[in-house]
């Protein structure tokens, strides 16, 4: 006859430990994938020059709803900004600096409980080519002390998929899998 008593605490502890280990394995896989993509995309160099890559950068930012300024708005499919919006906007239009590097800073995009913007750099690589980096600035709405600044490898992967789908597939194939 089966024991009518509830399971012993030891079996509950074993079940909890198994669930914790599964959660740890999932977290380890996510961390390994994050580290892999950060490493691979941080060192990726497009074969095209920065001026050839840049329209896709602006299109991607516009597609994600980040406000751009000046001539950059046309590349992103955004209507021309009004004089007040241009004056009050906190981002800046694409700038060319030191050795033909390109920089753009978007305006802030509001989400439910946060705001974010991007600073994107395109750095020429010799003999030809371009390295692109997206830095995400993020903070909780109304809390300037929550500022975070980090390289966003996910948007970098999206750009790679747009410009060089074969390279994106090759990098994705090498990512840790669970």
N, C-alpha and C. Protein backbone atom coordinates (compact mmCIF):
# COMPACT_ATOMS: atom_id res chain seq x y z
N UNK A 1 0.85 -1.18 0.00
CA UNK A 1 0.00 0.00 0.00
C UNK A 1 0.89 1.24 0.00
N UNK A 2 0.59 2.24 -0.88
CA UNK A 2 1.41 3.45 -0.94
C UNK A 2 1.32 4.25 0.35
N UNK A 3 2.38 4.96 0.62
CA UNK A 3 2.46 5.80 1.80
C UNK A 3 1.57 7.02 1.60
N UNK A 4 0.53 7.26 2.44
CA UNK A 4 -0.39 8.38 2.25
C UNK A 4 0.18 9.72 2.69
N UNK A 5 1.35 9.70 3.31
CA UNK A 5 1.93 10.95 3.79
C UNK A 5 2.50 11.76 2.61
N UNK A 6 2.57 13.08 2.78
CA UNK A 6 3.17 13.90 1.72
C UNK A 6 4.64 13.55 1.55
N UNK A 7 5.22 13.89 0.40
CA UNK A 7 6.63 13.58 0.15
C UNK A 7 7.51 14.19 1.24
N UNK A 8 8.60 13.53 1.51
CA UNK A 8 9.53 14.02 2.53
C UNK A 8 10.22 15.29 2.05
N UNK A 9 10.62 16.13 2.97
CA UNK A 9 11.29 17.37 2.59
C UNK A 9 12.50 17.13 1.72
N UNK A 10 13.18 16.01 1.88
CA UNK A 10 14.38 15.74 1.09
C UNK A 10 14.04 15.71 -0.41
N UNK A 11 12.89 15.14 -0.78
CA UNK A 11 12.53 15.09 -2.19
C UNK A 11 12.19 16.49 -2.73
N UNK A 12 11.59 17.33 -1.88
CA UNK A 12 11.33 18.71 -2.29
C UNK A 12 12.65 19.45 -2.47
N UNK A 13 13.58 19.20 -1.58
CA UNK A 13 14.88 19.85 -1.68
C UNK A 13 15.60 19.40 -2.94
N UNK A 14 15.49 18.12 -3.28
CA UNK A 14 16.13 17.62 -4.50
C UNK A 14 15.50 18.26 -5.73
N UNK A 15 14.17 18.38 -5.72
CA UNK A 15 13.49 19.01 -6.85
C UNK A 15 13.90 20.48 -6.98
N UNK A 16 13.97 21.17 -5.86
CA UNK A 16 14.38 22.58 -5.88
C UNK A 16 15.81 22.71 -6.37
N UNK A 17 16.67 21.80 -5.94
CA UNK A 17 18.07 21.85 -6.38
C UNK A 17 18.16 21.60 -7.88
N UNK A 18 17.37 20.66 -8.39
CA UNK A 18 17.38 20.38 -9.83
C UNK A 18 16.90 21.59 -10.62
N UNK A 19 15.86 22.25 -10.12
CA UNK A 19 15.37 23.44 -10.80
C UNK A 19 16.41 24.56 -10.76
N UNK A 20 17.09 24.70 -9.64
CA UNK A 20 18.12 25.73 -9.52
C UNK A 20 19.27 25.46 -10.48
N UNK A 21 19.66 24.18 -10.59
CA UNK A 21 20.74 23.84 -11.51
C UNK A 21 20.34 24.11 -12.95
N UNK A 22 19.09 23.81 -13.29
CA UNK A 22 18.60 24.09 -14.65
C UNK A 22 18.63 25.59 -14.91
N UNK A 23 18.22 26.37 -13.91
CA UNK A 23 18.26 27.83 -14.05
C UNK A 23 19.68 28.33 -14.20
N UNK A 24 20.60 27.75 -13.44
CA UNK A 24 22.02 28.14 -13.53
C UNK A 24 22.57 27.80 -14.91
N UNK A 25 22.21 26.62 -15.44
CA UNK A 25 22.69 26.23 -16.76
C UNK A 25 22.17 27.21 -17.81
N UNK A 26 20.92 27.60 -17.68
CA UNK A 26 20.33 28.56 -18.62
C UNK A 26 21.03 29.91 -18.53
N UNK A 27 21.32 30.34 -17.32
CA UNK A 27 22.02 31.61 -17.12
C UNK A 27 23.43 31.53 -17.67
N UNK A 28 24.11 30.39 -17.44
CA UNK A 28 25.47 30.23 -17.97
C UNK A 28 25.47 30.27 -19.49
N UNK A 29 24.48 29.62 -20.12
CA UNK A 29 24.39 29.64 -21.58
C UNK A 29 24.16 31.06 -22.08
N UNK A 30 23.25 31.79 -21.44
CA UNK A 30 22.98 33.17 -21.84
C UNK A 30 24.23 34.03 -21.69
N UNK A 31 24.96 33.85 -20.59
CA UNK A 31 26.20 34.61 -20.38
C UNK A 31 27.26 34.25 -21.42
N UNK A 32 27.36 32.96 -21.76
CA UNK A 32 28.34 32.52 -22.76
C UNK A 32 27.99 33.09 -24.13
N UNK A 33 26.71 33.08 -24.48
CA UNK A 33 26.29 33.66 -25.77
C UNK A 33 26.57 35.17 -25.80
N UNK A 34 26.25 35.84 -24.71
CA UNK A 34 26.49 37.27 -24.61
C UNK A 34 27.98 37.58 -24.81
N UNK A 35 28.84 36.85 -24.12
CA UNK A 35 30.29 37.07 -24.24
C UNK A 35 30.77 36.76 -25.65
N UNK A 36 30.26 35.69 -26.24
CA UNK A 36 30.65 35.32 -27.61
C UNK A 36 30.29 36.42 -28.60
N UNK A 37 29.03 36.88 -28.58
CA UNK A 37 28.62 37.91 -29.53
C UNK A 37 29.35 39.24 -29.29
N UNK A 38 29.57 39.59 -28.04
CA UNK A 38 30.32 40.82 -27.75
C UNK A 38 31.72 40.74 -28.36
N UNK A 39 32.38 39.61 -28.19
CA UNK A 39 33.74 39.43 -28.70
C UNK A 39 33.75 39.44 -30.24
N UNK A 40 32.87 38.68 -30.84
CA UNK A 40 32.85 38.56 -32.30
C UNK A 40 32.46 39.87 -32.99
N UNK A 41 31.47 40.54 -32.45
CA UNK A 41 30.98 41.76 -33.11
C UNK A 41 31.84 42.97 -32.80
N UNK A 42 32.52 42.96 -31.66
CA UNK A 42 33.42 44.08 -31.32
C UNK A 42 34.61 44.13 -32.27
N UNK A 43 34.99 42.99 -32.81
CA UNK A 43 36.17 42.94 -33.69
C UNK A 43 35.78 42.83 -35.16
N UNK A 44 34.48 42.86 -35.48
CA UNK A 44 34.05 42.69 -36.86
C UNK A 44 34.35 43.95 -37.68
N UNK A 45 34.83 43.75 -38.89
CA UNK A 45 35.13 44.84 -39.81
C UNK A 45 34.37 44.62 -41.12
N UNK A 46 33.57 45.61 -41.49
CA UNK A 46 32.87 45.54 -42.77
C UNK A 46 33.86 45.79 -43.90
N UNK A 47 33.64 45.14 -45.02
CA UNK A 47 34.53 45.33 -46.16
C UNK A 47 34.27 46.66 -46.85
N UNK A 48 33.10 47.21 -46.67
CA UNK A 48 32.74 48.50 -47.25
C UNK A 48 33.31 49.62 -46.39
N UNK A 49 33.49 50.78 -47.01
CA UNK A 49 33.91 51.95 -46.26
C UNK A 49 32.78 52.49 -45.40
N UNK A 50 33.12 53.33 -44.43
CA UNK A 50 32.12 53.87 -43.50
C UNK A 50 31.02 54.65 -44.21
N UNK A 51 31.35 55.40 -45.25
CA UNK A 51 30.32 56.16 -45.96
C UNK A 51 29.33 55.23 -46.65
N UNK A 52 29.77 54.03 -47.02
CA UNK A 52 28.87 53.06 -47.65
C UNK A 52 28.01 52.32 -46.62
N UNK A 53 28.52 52.16 -45.41
CA UNK A 53 27.81 51.45 -44.34
C UNK A 53 26.81 52.39 -43.65
N UNK A 54 27.13 53.67 -43.61
CA UNK A 54 26.39 54.61 -42.77
C UNK A 54 24.90 54.73 -43.07
N UNK A 55 24.45 54.73 -44.33
CA UNK A 55 23.00 54.80 -44.56
C UNK A 55 22.24 53.66 -43.88
N UNK A 56 22.82 52.45 -43.86
CA UNK A 56 22.16 51.32 -43.19
C UNK A 56 22.13 51.54 -41.68
N UNK A 57 23.16 52.17 -41.12
CA UNK A 57 23.17 52.50 -39.69
C UNK A 57 21.99 53.42 -39.37
N UNK A 58 21.83 54.47 -40.17
CA UNK A 58 20.76 55.44 -39.92
C UNK A 58 19.39 54.81 -40.13
N UNK A 59 19.24 53.97 -41.16
CA UNK A 59 17.97 53.28 -41.40
C UNK A 59 17.60 52.40 -40.20
N UNK A 60 18.57 51.68 -39.66
CA UNK A 60 18.33 50.80 -38.53
C UNK A 60 17.89 51.60 -37.29
N UNK A 61 18.56 52.71 -37.04
CA UNK A 61 18.18 53.55 -35.90
C UNK A 61 16.76 54.08 -36.08
N UNK A 62 16.45 54.54 -37.29
CA UNK A 62 15.11 55.04 -37.57
C UNK A 62 14.05 53.96 -37.44
N UNK A 63 14.37 52.74 -37.91
CA UNK A 63 13.42 51.63 -37.81
C UNK A 63 13.12 51.28 -36.36
N UNK A 64 14.06 51.54 -35.48
CA UNK A 64 13.85 51.26 -34.05
C UNK A 64 13.22 52.44 -33.32
N UNK A 65 12.90 53.50 -34.04
CA UNK A 65 12.18 54.62 -33.44
C UNK A 65 13.04 55.67 -32.76
N UNK A 66 14.35 55.67 -33.04
CA UNK A 66 15.21 56.68 -32.43
C UNK A 66 15.22 57.93 -33.29
N UNK A 67 14.91 59.09 -32.69
CA UNK A 67 14.86 60.33 -33.47
C UNK A 67 16.26 60.78 -33.89
N UNK A 68 16.37 61.17 -35.15
CA UNK A 68 17.62 61.68 -35.69
C UNK A 68 17.46 63.14 -36.02
N UNK A 69 18.56 63.79 -36.34
CA UNK A 69 18.53 65.22 -36.62
C UNK A 69 19.01 65.51 -38.03
N UNK A 70 18.59 66.64 -38.54
CA UNK A 70 19.08 67.16 -39.82
C UNK A 70 18.91 66.19 -40.98
N UNK A 71 19.96 66.13 -41.82
CA UNK A 71 19.93 65.28 -43.02
C UNK A 71 19.80 63.80 -42.70
N UNK A 72 20.21 63.37 -41.50
CA UNK A 72 20.13 61.96 -41.12
C UNK A 72 18.69 61.46 -41.12
N UNK A 73 17.74 62.35 -40.87
CA UNK A 73 16.32 61.95 -40.81
C UNK A 73 15.85 61.37 -42.14
N UNK A 74 16.32 61.91 -43.25
CA UNK A 74 15.91 61.41 -44.57
C UNK A 74 16.41 59.98 -44.78
N UNK A 75 17.64 59.69 -44.37
CA UNK A 75 18.17 58.33 -44.50
C UNK A 75 17.36 57.33 -43.67
N UNK A 76 16.83 57.79 -42.55
CA UNK A 76 16.09 56.92 -41.64
C UNK A 76 14.61 56.85 -41.99
N UNK A 77 14.19 57.57 -43.02
CA UNK A 77 12.78 57.56 -43.39
C UNK A 77 11.91 58.38 -42.45
N UNK A 78 12.54 59.32 -41.73
CA UNK A 78 11.79 60.18 -40.83
C UNK A 78 11.50 61.50 -41.53
N UNK A 79 10.34 62.10 -41.28
CA UNK A 79 10.04 63.40 -41.91
C UNK A 79 10.99 64.47 -41.37
N UNK A 80 11.15 65.55 -42.14
CA UNK A 80 12.01 66.63 -41.65
C UNK A 80 11.55 67.12 -40.29
N UNK A 81 12.51 67.44 -39.43
CA UNK A 81 12.18 67.94 -38.09
C UNK A 81 11.85 69.42 -38.16
N UNK A 82 10.96 69.84 -37.30
CA UNK A 82 10.64 71.25 -37.21
C UNK A 82 11.76 72.01 -36.52
N UNK A 83 11.74 73.31 -36.63
CA UNK A 83 12.79 74.14 -36.06
C UNK A 83 12.88 73.97 -34.54
N UNK A 84 11.73 73.88 -33.87
CA UNK A 84 11.73 73.73 -32.42
C UNK A 84 12.32 72.37 -32.03
N UNK A 85 11.90 71.31 -32.73
CA UNK A 85 12.41 69.97 -32.43
C UNK A 85 13.92 69.91 -32.66
N UNK A 86 14.38 70.53 -33.74
CA UNK A 86 15.82 70.54 -34.03
C UNK A 86 16.58 71.31 -32.95
N UNK A 87 16.00 72.41 -32.49
CA UNK A 87 16.65 73.22 -31.48
C UNK A 87 16.71 72.49 -30.13
N UNK A 88 15.61 71.81 -29.77
CA UNK A 88 15.53 71.15 -28.47
C UNK A 88 16.12 69.74 -28.46
N UNK A 89 16.32 69.17 -29.63
CA UNK A 89 16.83 67.79 -29.69
C UNK A 89 18.18 67.67 -29.02
N UNK A 90 18.39 66.55 -28.31
CA UNK A 90 19.64 66.39 -27.57
C UNK A 90 20.66 65.56 -28.33
N UNK A 91 20.28 64.98 -29.44
CA UNK A 91 21.24 64.24 -30.24
C UNK A 91 21.98 65.17 -31.18
N UNK A 92 22.78 64.59 -32.05
CA UNK A 92 23.40 65.41 -33.10
C UNK A 92 23.47 64.63 -34.40
N UNK A 93 23.47 65.41 -35.48
CA UNK A 93 23.56 64.86 -36.83
C UNK A 93 24.93 64.21 -37.02
N UNK A 94 25.04 63.32 -37.99
CA UNK A 94 26.32 62.66 -38.26
C UNK A 94 27.43 63.68 -38.40
N UNK A 95 28.52 63.40 -37.71
CA UNK A 95 29.72 64.26 -37.76
C UNK A 95 30.88 63.42 -38.28
N UNK A 96 31.71 64.08 -39.04
CA UNK A 96 32.92 63.44 -39.54
C UNK A 96 34.09 64.05 -38.77
N UNK A 97 34.87 63.20 -38.13
CA UNK A 97 35.99 63.69 -37.32
C UNK A 97 37.23 62.83 -37.56
N UNK A 98 38.28 63.15 -36.86
CA UNK A 98 39.56 62.46 -36.86
C UNK A 98 39.67 61.29 -37.84
N UNK A 99 40.39 61.52 -38.92
CA UNK A 99 40.65 60.44 -39.86
C UNK A 99 39.43 59.87 -40.53
N UNK A 100 38.42 60.68 -40.77
CA UNK A 100 37.20 60.28 -41.47
C UNK A 100 36.27 59.38 -40.67
N UNK A 101 36.42 59.32 -39.36
CA UNK A 101 35.48 58.57 -38.53
C UNK A 101 34.14 59.30 -38.54
N UNK A 102 33.06 58.53 -38.41
CA UNK A 102 31.71 59.09 -38.38
C UNK A 102 31.09 58.84 -37.02
N UNK A 103 30.34 59.83 -36.52
CA UNK A 103 29.64 59.71 -35.24
C UNK A 103 28.24 60.28 -35.39
N UNK A 104 27.29 59.65 -34.73
CA UNK A 104 25.93 60.19 -34.64
C UNK A 104 25.40 59.87 -33.25
N UNK A 105 24.64 60.80 -32.70
CA UNK A 105 23.95 60.56 -31.43
C UNK A 105 22.47 60.80 -31.67
N UNK A 106 21.65 59.79 -31.36
CA UNK A 106 20.21 59.94 -31.54
C UNK A 106 19.63 60.77 -30.40
N UNK A 107 18.40 61.20 -30.60
CA UNK A 107 17.66 61.79 -29.51
C UNK A 107 17.16 60.68 -28.59
N UNK A 108 16.57 61.06 -27.48
CA UNK A 108 16.05 60.08 -26.53
C UNK A 108 14.76 59.47 -27.05
N UNK A 109 14.63 58.16 -26.87
CA UNK A 109 13.39 57.45 -27.18
C UNK A 109 12.81 56.96 -25.88
N UNK A 110 11.55 57.31 -25.63
CA UNK A 110 10.89 56.92 -24.38
C UNK A 110 10.24 55.55 -24.54
N UNK A 111 10.37 54.72 -23.52
CA UNK A 111 9.66 53.45 -23.41
C UNK A 111 8.77 53.55 -22.17
N UNK A 112 8.20 52.44 -21.72
CA UNK A 112 7.27 52.51 -20.59
C UNK A 112 7.89 53.14 -19.36
N UNK A 113 9.03 52.64 -18.92
CA UNK A 113 9.60 53.14 -17.67
C UNK A 113 11.05 53.57 -17.84
N UNK A 114 11.46 53.81 -19.09
CA UNK A 114 12.85 54.18 -19.32
C UNK A 114 12.97 55.06 -20.56
N UNK A 115 14.15 55.63 -20.72
CA UNK A 115 14.50 56.35 -21.95
C UNK A 115 15.86 55.83 -22.40
N UNK A 116 16.09 55.87 -23.71
CA UNK A 116 17.38 55.40 -24.23
C UNK A 116 17.73 56.17 -25.49
N UNK A 117 19.02 56.14 -25.80
CA UNK A 117 19.51 56.72 -27.04
C UNK A 117 20.81 55.99 -27.40
N UNK A 118 21.27 56.21 -28.63
CA UNK A 118 22.50 55.58 -29.10
C UNK A 118 23.53 56.61 -29.50
N UNK A 119 24.78 56.28 -29.23
CA UNK A 119 25.92 56.96 -29.81
C UNK A 119 26.57 55.90 -30.70
N UNK A 120 26.66 56.19 -31.98
CA UNK A 120 27.19 55.22 -32.94
C UNK A 120 28.45 55.80 -33.57
N UNK A 121 29.47 54.96 -33.64
CA UNK A 121 30.72 55.39 -34.29
C UNK A 121 31.03 54.44 -35.43
N UNK A 122 31.53 55.01 -36.50
CA UNK A 122 32.03 54.25 -37.64
C UNK A 122 33.48 54.64 -37.83
N UNK A 123 34.39 53.69 -37.64
CA UNK A 123 35.82 53.98 -37.70
C UNK A 123 36.45 53.30 -38.90
N UNK A 124 37.10 54.08 -39.78
CA UNK A 124 37.75 53.47 -40.94
C UNK A 124 38.85 52.50 -40.50
N UNK A 125 38.95 51.40 -41.23
CA UNK A 125 39.96 50.38 -40.98
C UNK A 125 40.79 50.25 -42.25
N UNK A 126 42.11 50.24 -42.09
CA UNK A 126 42.99 50.15 -43.25
C UNK A 126 43.11 48.72 -43.74
N UNK A 127 43.25 48.46 -45.02
CA UNK A 127 43.34 49.43 -46.11
C UNK A 127 41.98 49.99 -46.51
N UNK A 128 40.93 49.22 -46.33
CA UNK A 128 39.58 49.75 -46.55
C UNK A 128 38.66 48.98 -45.61
N UNK A 129 37.55 49.55 -45.32
CA UNK A 129 36.61 48.90 -44.44
C UNK A 129 36.19 49.81 -43.30
N UNK A 130 35.30 49.28 -42.47
CA UNK A 130 34.73 50.10 -41.40
C UNK A 130 34.36 49.22 -40.21
N UNK A 131 34.67 49.70 -39.03
CA UNK A 131 34.22 49.07 -37.78
C UNK A 131 33.13 49.96 -37.21
N UNK A 132 32.01 49.36 -36.83
CA UNK A 132 30.86 50.12 -36.32
C UNK A 132 30.57 49.67 -34.90
N UNK A 133 30.35 50.65 -34.01
CA UNK A 133 30.02 50.34 -32.62
C UNK A 133 28.80 51.16 -32.19
N UNK A 134 27.84 50.47 -31.58
CA UNK A 134 26.64 51.10 -31.05
C UNK A 134 26.73 51.11 -29.53
N UNK A 135 26.75 52.29 -28.93
CA UNK A 135 26.73 52.39 -27.47
C UNK A 135 25.35 52.87 -27.05
N UNK A 136 24.70 52.08 -26.21
CA UNK A 136 23.37 52.39 -25.73
C UNK A 136 23.47 53.14 -24.41
N UNK A 137 22.84 54.31 -24.35
CA UNK A 137 22.68 55.05 -23.09
C UNK A 137 21.25 54.80 -22.65
N UNK A 138 21.08 54.36 -21.41
CA UNK A 138 19.77 53.98 -20.90
C UNK A 138 19.61 54.47 -19.47
N UNK A 139 18.40 54.87 -19.14
CA UNK A 139 18.09 55.21 -17.73
C UNK A 139 16.60 55.05 -17.48
N UNK A 140 16.29 54.77 -16.22
CA UNK A 140 14.88 54.72 -15.83
C UNK A 140 14.34 56.14 -15.89
N UNK A 141 13.11 56.27 -16.30
CA UNK A 141 12.48 57.58 -16.41
C UNK A 141 12.52 58.29 -15.07
N UNK A 142 12.99 59.52 -15.08
CA UNK A 142 13.02 60.34 -13.88
C UNK A 142 14.09 59.98 -12.87
N UNK A 143 15.04 59.11 -13.24
CA UNK A 143 16.09 58.69 -12.31
C UNK A 143 17.46 58.78 -12.99
N UNK A 144 18.05 59.98 -13.03
CA UNK A 144 19.34 60.13 -13.70
C UNK A 144 20.45 59.30 -13.06
N UNK A 145 20.26 58.86 -11.83
CA UNK A 145 21.30 58.06 -11.18
C UNK A 145 21.34 56.62 -11.71
N UNK A 146 20.36 56.24 -12.54
CA UNK A 146 20.31 54.88 -13.05
C UNK A 146 20.99 54.75 -14.42
N UNK A 147 21.74 55.77 -14.83
CA UNK A 147 22.38 55.76 -16.16
C UNK A 147 23.23 54.52 -16.37
N UNK A 148 23.07 53.91 -17.55
CA UNK A 148 23.92 52.81 -17.99
C UNK A 148 24.41 53.13 -19.39
N UNK A 149 25.65 52.78 -19.67
CA UNK A 149 26.26 52.96 -20.99
C UNK A 149 26.92 51.64 -21.33
N UNK A 150 26.45 51.01 -22.41
CA UNK A 150 27.03 49.72 -22.77
C UNK A 150 26.96 49.50 -24.28
N UNK A 151 27.92 48.76 -24.78
CA UNK A 151 27.92 48.40 -26.19
C UNK A 151 26.75 47.44 -26.41
N UNK A 152 25.94 47.70 -27.42
CA UNK A 152 24.77 46.89 -27.71
C UNK A 152 25.08 45.97 -28.88
N UNK A 153 25.45 44.74 -28.58
CA UNK A 153 25.82 43.80 -29.63
C UNK A 153 24.60 43.34 -30.43
N UNK A 154 23.41 43.39 -29.86
CA UNK A 154 22.23 42.93 -30.58
C UNK A 154 21.92 43.81 -31.79
N UNK A 155 22.03 45.13 -31.64
CA UNK A 155 21.78 46.00 -32.78
C UNK A 155 22.95 45.89 -33.77
N UNK A 156 24.15 45.63 -33.26
CA UNK A 156 25.29 45.41 -34.16
C UNK A 156 25.05 44.15 -35.00
N UNK A 157 24.49 43.11 -34.39
CA UNK A 157 24.16 41.89 -35.14
C UNK A 157 23.08 42.19 -36.18
N UNK A 158 22.09 43.01 -35.83
CA UNK A 158 21.04 43.37 -36.79
C UNK A 158 21.63 44.10 -38.00
N UNK A 159 22.59 44.98 -37.76
CA UNK A 159 23.25 45.68 -38.87
C UNK A 159 24.01 44.70 -39.75
N UNK A 160 24.71 43.78 -39.12
CA UNK A 160 25.46 42.77 -39.88
C UNK A 160 24.51 41.92 -40.73
N UNK A 161 23.36 41.55 -40.18
CA UNK A 161 22.37 40.77 -40.95
C UNK A 161 21.87 41.56 -42.16
N UNK A 162 21.75 42.87 -42.03
CA UNK A 162 21.30 43.71 -43.15
C UNK A 162 22.37 43.83 -44.23
N UNK A 163 23.62 44.01 -43.80
CA UNK A 163 24.68 44.31 -44.76
C UNK A 163 25.43 43.09 -45.28
N UNK A 164 25.65 42.12 -44.40
CA UNK A 164 26.43 40.94 -44.78
C UNK A 164 25.80 39.70 -44.16
N UNK A 165 24.67 39.25 -44.74
CA UNK A 165 23.93 38.13 -44.14
C UNK A 165 24.74 36.84 -44.02
N UNK A 166 25.65 36.58 -44.96
CA UNK A 166 26.47 35.36 -44.87
C UNK A 166 27.39 35.41 -43.65
N UNK A 167 27.99 36.56 -43.40
CA UNK A 167 28.86 36.72 -42.23
C UNK A 167 28.04 36.60 -40.94
N UNK A 168 26.84 37.17 -40.94
CA UNK A 168 25.98 37.07 -39.75
C UNK A 168 25.62 35.62 -39.48
N UNK A 169 25.30 34.86 -40.52
CA UNK A 169 24.97 33.44 -40.35
C UNK A 169 26.17 32.66 -39.84
N UNK A 170 27.35 32.97 -40.33
CA UNK A 170 28.58 32.28 -39.89
C UNK A 170 28.83 32.55 -38.39
N UNK A 171 28.67 33.79 -37.98
CA UNK A 171 28.87 34.13 -36.56
C UNK A 171 27.81 33.46 -35.71
N UNK A 172 26.56 33.49 -36.15
CA UNK A 172 25.47 32.85 -35.41
C UNK A 172 25.71 31.35 -35.27
N UNK A 173 26.22 30.71 -36.31
CA UNK A 173 26.49 29.27 -36.28
C UNK A 173 27.55 28.91 -35.24
N UNK A 174 28.47 29.83 -34.96
CA UNK A 174 29.52 29.56 -33.99
C UNK A 174 29.13 29.87 -32.55
N UNK A 175 27.95 30.40 -32.34
CA UNK A 175 27.51 30.78 -30.99
C UNK A 175 27.23 29.54 -30.14
N UNK A 176 27.50 29.63 -28.83
CA UNK A 176 27.18 28.51 -27.93
C UNK A 176 25.69 28.19 -28.00
N UNK A 177 25.39 26.91 -27.95
CA UNK A 177 24.00 26.45 -28.04
C UNK A 177 23.69 25.61 -26.82
N UNK A 178 22.42 25.56 -26.46
CA UNK A 178 22.03 24.80 -25.27
C UNK A 178 21.19 23.59 -25.59
